[in-house]
């Protein structure tokens, strides 16, 4: 069965973005970028791939699921298909339509979507964000890959924003990079 994997960047205090969606406060390191690009090339958005001339086959994921808050920043920049190399689903009850046939809008239950996708043949499913959607999908998340950057945000969008629901995962891997970022892998 396919896994639903929440692959996400966080601050030390658990924020995936600032209050206005900012992510430019995360320190970048060449060794980390090289490792992550090699291990998870499909998580590089299509516009970035085009800009840097990055063309690598999918290794782990063939599908991406994201919420409105993750989809809309790219849309504001004119990108209707942010992960053209993946099957794309946007979960939102407020977006009325998406004018790109490569992106499927899901207005219904995200748990139902995740369960259906996990039953299909294929590679794993990349949960791209955000915190509201991750909290809703927590019962179906099989693995967490958390890039924990050495910065305290103080406020912003939490990695999981929902009801109190303690859920235990087991640490299965960790790696530290030159910028102090630790990539932690947890399995259910």
C-alpha atoms as a PDB file:
ATOM      1  CA  UNK A   1       0.000   0.000   0.000  1.00  0.00           C
ATOM      2  CA  UNK A   2       1.145   3.530  -0.756  1.00  0.00           C
ATOM      3  CA  UNK A   3       2.167   5.770   2.129  1.00  0.00           C
ATOM      4  CA  UNK A   4       0.988   9.287   2.849  1.00  0.00           C
ATOM      5  CA  UNK A   5       4.144  11.230   3.747  1.00  0.00           C
ATOM      6  CA  UNK A   6       4.112  14.720   5.260  1.00  0.00           C
ATOM      7  CA  UNK A   7       7.372  16.228   3.960  1.00  0.00           C
ATOM      8  CA  UNK A   8       7.666  19.638   5.563  1.00  0.00           C
ATOM      9  CA  UNK A   9      10.047  22.371   6.717  1.00  0.00           C
ATOM     10  CA  UNK A  10       9.602  23.743  10.234  1.00  0.00           C
ATOM     11  CA  UNK A  11      11.206  26.179  12.592  1.00  0.00           C
ATOM     12  CA  UNK A  12      12.442  24.904  15.977  1.00  0.00           C
ATOM     13  CA  UNK A  13       9.115  26.017  17.443  1.00  0.00           C
ATOM     14  CA  UNK A  14       7.056  24.089  14.879  1.00  0.00           C
ATOM     15  CA  UNK A  15       6.005  26.719  12.332  1.00  0.00           C
ATOM     16  CA  UNK A  16       5.993  25.935   8.619  1.00  0.00           C
ATOM     17  CA  UNK A  17       5.679  29.594   7.632  1.00  0.00           C
ATOM     18  CA  UNK A  18       5.402  33.020   9.161  1.00  0.00           C
ATOM     19  CA  UNK A  19       2.076  34.739   9.864  1.00  0.00           C
ATOM     20  CA  UNK A  20       1.936  36.047   6.283  1.00  0.00           C
ATOM     21  CA  UNK A  21       3.120  32.806   4.690  1.00  0.00           C
ATOM     22  CA  UNK A  22       6.809  33.797   4.784  1.00  0.00           C
ATOM     23  CA  UNK A  23       9.348  31.014   4.288  1.00  0.00           C
ATOM     24  CA  UNK A  24      12.391  33.099   3.390  1.00  0.00           C
ATOM     25  CA  UNK A  25      13.755  32.985   6.954  1.00  0.00           C
ATOM     26  CA  UNK A  26      14.980  29.387   6.616  1.00  0.00           C
ATOM     27  CA  UNK A  27      18.778  29.270   6.167  1.00  0.00           C
ATOM     28  CA  UNK A  28      19.903  27.543   2.971  1.00  0.00           C
ATOM     29  CA  UNK A  29      22.904  25.190   2.775  1.00  0.00           C
ATOM     30  CA  UNK A  30      24.375  23.634  -0.352  1.00  0.00           C
ATOM     31  CA  UNK A  31      24.994  20.225   1.246  1.00  0.00           C
ATOM     32  CA  UNK A  32      21.409  20.017   2.434  1.00  0.00           C
ATOM     33  CA  UNK A  33      19.945  21.098  -0.912  1.00  0.00           C
ATOM     34  CA  UNK A  34      22.088  18.554  -2.768  1.00  0.00           C
ATOM     35  CA  UNK A  35      21.039  15.739  -0.436  1.00  0.00           C
ATOM     36  CA  UNK A  36      17.324  16.575  -0.514  1.00  0.00           C
ATOM     37  CA  UNK A  37      17.308  17.136  -4.281  1.00  0.00           C
ATOM     38  CA  UNK A  38      18.888  13.714  -4.691  1.00  0.00           C
ATOM     39  CA  UNK A  39      16.616  11.921  -2.203  1.00  0.00           C
ATOM     40  CA  UNK A  40      13.322  13.686  -2.995  1.00  0.00           C
ATOM     41  CA  UNK A  41      13.655  15.366  -6.410  1.00  0.00           C
ATOM     42  CA  UNK A  42       9.897  15.363  -6.983  1.00  0.00           C
ATOM     43  CA  UNK A  43       9.363  17.811  -4.110  1.00  0.00           C
ATOM     44  CA  UNK A  44      11.008  20.565  -6.185  1.00  0.00           C
ATOM     45  CA  UNK A  45       8.154  22.605  -7.719  1.00  0.00           C
ATOM     46  CA  UNK A  46       7.965  22.785 -11.496  1.00  0.00           C
ATOM     47  CA  UNK A  47       8.695  26.556 -11.710  1.00  0.00           C
ATOM     48  CA  UNK A  48      11.887  26.088  -9.663  1.00  0.00           C
ATOM     49  CA  UNK A  49      12.891  23.095 -11.780  1.00  0.00           C
ATOM     50  CA  UNK A  50      12.486  25.187 -14.919  1.00  0.00           C
ATOM     51  CA  UNK A  51      14.406  28.146 -13.478  1.00  0.00           C
ATOM     52  CA  UNK A  52      17.438  26.092 -12.370  1.00  0.00           C
ATOM     53  CA  UNK A  53      17.391  23.517 -15.172  1.00  0.00           C
ATOM     54  CA  UNK A  54      16.637  20.644 -12.787  1.00  0.00           C
ATOM     55  CA  UNK A  55      15.327  17.514 -14.471  1.00  0.00           C
ATOM     56  CA  UNK A  56      15.280  14.383 -12.335  1.00  0.00           C
ATOM     57  CA  UNK A  57      12.873  11.462 -12.366  1.00  0.00           C
ATOM     58  CA  UNK A  58      10.491  10.872  -9.478  1.00  0.00           C
ATOM     59  CA  UNK A  59      12.068   8.577  -6.880  1.00  0.00           C
ATOM     60  CA  UNK A  60       9.535   8.368  -4.060  1.00  0.00           C
ATOM     61  CA  UNK A  61       6.325  10.232  -4.924  1.00  0.00           C
ATOM     62  CA  UNK A  62       3.998  10.315  -7.926  1.00  0.00           C
ATOM     63  CA  UNK A  63       1.148  12.252  -6.283  1.00  0.00           C
ATOM     64  CA  UNK A  64       0.952  15.480  -4.285  1.00  0.00           C
ATOM     65  CA  UNK A  65      -1.849  16.664  -1.986  1.00  0.00           C
ATOM     66  CA  UNK A  66      -1.939  20.277  -0.795  1.00  0.00           C
ATOM     67  CA  UNK A  67      -4.314  22.731   0.800  1.00  0.00           C
ATOM     68  CA  UNK A  68      -5.472  26.109  -0.465  1.00  0.00           C
ATOM     69  CA  UNK A  69      -2.820  27.998   1.509  1.00  0.00           C
ATOM     70  CA  UNK A  70      -0.064  25.970  -0.136  1.00  0.00           C
ATOM     71  CA  UNK A  71      -1.531  26.205  -3.644  1.00  0.00           C
ATOM     72  CA  UNK A  72      -2.464  29.891  -3.774  1.00  0.00           C
ATOM     73  CA  UNK A  73       1.015  31.519  -3.472  1.00  0.00           C
ATOM     74  CA  UNK A  74       2.115  29.806  -6.701  1.00  0.00           C
ATOM     75  CA  UNK A  75      -1.189  30.676  -8.324  1.00  0.00           C
ATOM     76  CA  UNK A  76      -0.615  34.341  -7.437  1.00  0.00           C
ATOM     77  CA  UNK A  77       2.668  34.093  -9.375  1.00  0.00           C
ATOM     78  CA  UNK A  78       0.868  32.616 -12.397  1.00  0.00           C
ATOM     79  CA  UNK A  79       1.615  28.932 -11.755  1.00  0.00           C
ATOM     80  CA  UNK A  80      -1.570  26.893 -12.060  1.00  0.00           C
ATOM     81  CA  UNK A  81       0.256  23.533 -12.010  1.00  0.00           C
ATOM     82  CA  UNK A  82       2.974  23.752  -9.337  1.00  0.00           C
ATOM     83  CA  UNK A  83       3.984  20.080  -9.543  1.00  0.00           C
ATOM     84  CA  UNK A  84       3.395  19.198 -13.200  1.00  0.00           C
ATOM     85  CA  UNK A  85       5.547  16.059 -12.809  1.00  0.00           C
ATOM     86  CA  UNK A  86       3.089  14.660 -10.199  1.00  0.00           C
ATOM     87  CA  UNK A  87      -0.648  13.963  -9.989  1.00  0.00           C
ATOM     88  CA  UNK A  88      -1.909  17.063  -8.158  1.00  0.00           C
ATOM     89  CA  UNK A  89      -4.795  17.453  -5.726  1.00  0.00           C
ATOM     90  CA  UNK A  90      -5.801  20.678  -3.990  1.00  0.00           C
ATOM     91  CA  UNK A  91      -8.106  20.244  -1.004  1.00  0.00           C
ATOM     92  CA  UNK A  92     -10.264  23.323  -0.414  1.00  0.00           C
ATOM     93  CA  UNK A  93     -13.804  24.187   0.436  1.00  0.00           C
ATOM     94  CA  UNK A  94     -13.316  27.841  -0.534  1.00  0.00           C
ATOM     95  CA  UNK A  95     -11.704  27.645  -3.985  1.00  0.00           C
ATOM     96  CA  UNK A  96     -14.553  27.488  -6.505  1.00  0.00           C
ATOM     97  CA  UNK A  97     -12.591  26.094  -9.452  1.00  0.00           C
ATOM     98  CA  UNK A  98      -9.105  25.494 -10.791  1.00  0.00           C
ATOM     99  CA  UNK A  99      -8.524  26.355 -14.428  1.00  0.00           C
ATOM    100  CA  UNK A 100      -5.890  23.701 -15.058  1.00  0.00           C
ATOM    101  CA  UNK A 101      -6.887  20.151 -16.020  1.00  0.00           C
ATOM    102  CA  UNK A 102      -3.677  18.801 -14.430  1.00  0.00           C
ATOM    103  CA  UNK A 103      -4.832  19.895 -10.958  1.00  0.00           C
ATOM    104  CA  UNK A 104      -7.857  18.293  -9.330  1.00  0.00           C
ATOM    105  CA  UNK A 105      -9.846  20.335  -6.839  1.00  0.00           C
ATOM    106  CA  UNK A 106     -11.200  18.285  -3.927  1.00  0.00           C
ATOM    107  CA  UNK A 107     -13.954  20.037  -1.969  1.00  0.00           C
ATOM    108  CA  UNK A 108     -14.931  16.986   0.054  1.00  0.00           C
ATOM    109  CA  UNK A 109     -13.426  14.989   2.889  1.00  0.00           C
ATOM    110  CA  UNK A 110      -9.608  14.893   2.688  1.00  0.00           C
ATOM    111  CA  UNK A 111      -9.534  11.645   4.693  1.00  0.00           C
ATOM    112  CA  UNK A 112     -11.638   9.959   2.030  1.00  0.00           C
ATOM    113  CA  UNK A 113      -9.238  11.247  -0.649  1.00  0.00           C
ATOM    114  CA  UNK A 114      -6.172   9.999   1.249  1.00  0.00           C
ATOM    115  CA  UNK A 115      -7.701   6.578   1.838  1.00  0.00           C
ATOM    116  CA  UNK A 116      -8.646   6.235  -1.820  1.00  0.00           C
ATOM    117  CA  UNK A 117      -5.203   7.323  -3.048  1.00  0.00           C
ATOM    118  CA  UNK A 118      -3.429   4.967  -0.647  1.00  0.00           C
ATOM    119  CA  UNK A 119      -5.372   2.025  -2.110  1.00  0.00           C
ATOM    120  CA  UNK A 120      -4.265   2.794  -5.668  1.00  0.00           C
ATOM    121  CA  UNK A 121      -1.152   1.390  -7.286  1.00  0.00           C
ATOM    122  CA  UNK A 122       1.788   3.713  -7.524  1.00  0.00           C
ATOM    123  CA  UNK A 123       4.457   5.491  -5.581  1.00  0.00           C
ATOM    124  CA  UNK A 124       3.945   7.240  -2.242  1.00  0.00           C
ATOM    125  CA  UNK A 125       1.850  10.392  -1.768  1.00  0.00           C
ATOM    126  CA  UNK A 126       3.525  13.686  -0.894  1.00  0.00           C
ATOM    127  CA  UNK A 127       1.531  15.779   1.570  1.00  0.00           C
ATOM    128  CA  UNK A 128       2.880  19.220   0.757  1.00  0.00           C
ATOM    129  CA  UNK A 129       0.929  21.242   3.311  1.00  0.00           C
ATOM    130  CA  UNK A 130      -0.395  23.098   5.045  1.00  0.00           C
ATOM    131  CA  UNK A 131      -1.003  22.825   8.735  1.00  0.00           C
ATOM    132  CA  UNK A 132      -4.806  22.693   8.607  1.00  0.00           C
ATOM    133  CA  UNK A 133      -4.806  19.932   6.013  1.00  0.00           C
ATOM    134  CA  UNK A 134      -2.060  18.008   7.848  1.00  0.00           C
ATOM    135  CA  UNK A 135      -4.129  18.073  11.044  1.00  0.00           C
ATOM    136  CA  UNK A 136      -7.172  16.763   9.165  1.00  0.00           C
ATOM    137  CA  UNK A 137      -5.100  14.010   7.533  1.00  0.00           C
ATOM    138  CA  UNK A 138      -3.191  13.019  10.687  1.00  0.00           C
ATOM    139  CA  UNK A 139      -5.063   9.689  11.034  1.00  0.00           C
ATOM    140  CA  UNK A 140      -3.794   8.691   7.568  1.00  0.00           C
ATOM    141  CA  UNK A 141      -0.214  10.044   7.724  1.00  0.00           C
ATOM    142  CA  UNK A 142       2.202   7.109   7.635  1.00  0.00           C
ATOM    143  CA  UNK A 143       5.485   8.995   7.727  1.00  0.00           C
ATOM    144  CA  UNK A 144       6.826  12.429   8.609  1.00  0.00           C
ATOM    145  CA  UNK A 145       9.952  13.897   7.030  1.00  0.00           C
ATOM    146  CA  UNK A 146      10.632  17.085   8.963  1.00  0.00           C
ATOM    147  CA  UNK A 147      13.325  19.532   7.956  1.00  0.00           C
ATOM    148  CA  UNK A 148      13.806  21.309  11.306  1.00  0.00           C
ATOM    149  CA  UNK A 149      15.670  24.568  10.683  1.00  0.00           C
ATOM    150  CA  UNK A 150      17.724  26.214  13.467  1.00  0.00           C
ATOM    151  CA  UNK A 151      15.482  29.245  13.792  1.00  0.00           C
ATOM    152  CA  UNK A 152      12.671  30.255  16.145  1.00  0.00           C
ATOM    153  CA  UNK A 153       9.802  31.887  14.249  1.00  0.00           C
ATOM    154  CA  UNK A 154       7.797  32.966  17.279  1.00  0.00           C
ATOM    155  CA  UNK A 155       4.500  32.958  15.391  1.00  0.00           C
ATOM    156  CA  UNK A 156       3.049  31.739  12.135  1.00  0.00           C
ATOM    157  CA  UNK A 157       1.429  28.718  10.563  1.00  0.00           C
ATOM    158  CA  UNK A 158       1.931  25.584  12.675  1.00  0.00           C
ATOM    159  CA  UNK A 159       2.884  22.254  11.119  1.00  0.00           C
ATOM    160  CA  UNK A 160      -0.381  20.844  12.482  1.00  0.00           C
ATOM    161  CA  UNK A 161      -3.252  23.227  13.183  1.00  0.00           C
ATOM    162  CA  UNK A 162      -6.271  21.402  14.525  1.00  0.00           C
ATOM    163  CA  UNK A 163      -7.702  19.738  17.577  1.00  0.00           C
ATOM    164  CA  UNK A 164      -5.627  18.299  20.412  1.00  0.00           C
ATOM    165  CA  UNK A 165      -4.864  14.765  19.224  1.00  0.00           C
ATOM    166  CA  UNK A 166      -1.580  13.287  20.549  1.00  0.00           C
ATOM    167  CA  UNK A 167      -0.307  10.806  17.974  1.00  0.00           C
ATOM    168  CA  UNK A 168       2.880   8.810  18.478  1.00  0.00           C
ATOM    169  CA  UNK A 169       5.448   8.281  15.744  1.00  0.00           C
ATOM    170  CA  UNK A 170       8.800   6.466  15.934  1.00  0.00           C
ATOM    171  CA  UNK A 171      12.056   8.149  14.909  1.00  0.00           C
ATOM    172  CA  UNK A 172      13.538   6.105  12.061  1.00  0.00           C
ATOM    173  CA  UNK A 173      16.265   8.453  10.821  1.00  0.00           C
ATOM    174  CA  UNK A 174      18.055  11.747  11.296  1.00  0.00           C
ATOM    175  CA  UNK A 175      20.697  13.727   9.486  1.00  0.00           C
ATOM    176  CA  UNK A 176      22.325  17.057  10.326  1.00  0.00           C
ATOM    177  CA  UNK A 177      23.574  19.556   7.749  1.00  0.00           C
ATOM    178  CA  UNK A 178      26.131  22.385   7.763  1.00  0.00           C
ATOM    179  CA  UNK A 179      23.486  25.068   8.395  1.00  0.00           C
ATOM    180  CA  UNK A 180      22.336  23.289  11.579  1.00  0.00           C
ATOM    181  CA  UNK A 181      19.180  21.895  10.010  1.00  0.00           C
ATOM    182  CA  UNK A 182      18.220  18.396  11.113  1.00  0.00           C
ATOM    183  CA  UNK A 183      16.106  16.234   8.837  1.00  0.00           C
ATOM    184  CA  UNK A 184      14.092  13.857  10.988  1.00  0.00           C
ATOM    185  CA  UNK A 185      12.136  10.883   9.663  1.00  0.00           C
ATOM    186  CA  UNK A 186       9.333   9.371  11.733  1.00  0.00           C
ATOM    187  CA  UNK A 187       7.086   6.396  10.966  1.00  0.00           C
ATOM    188  CA  UNK A 188       3.721   5.580  12.469  1.00  0.00           C
END
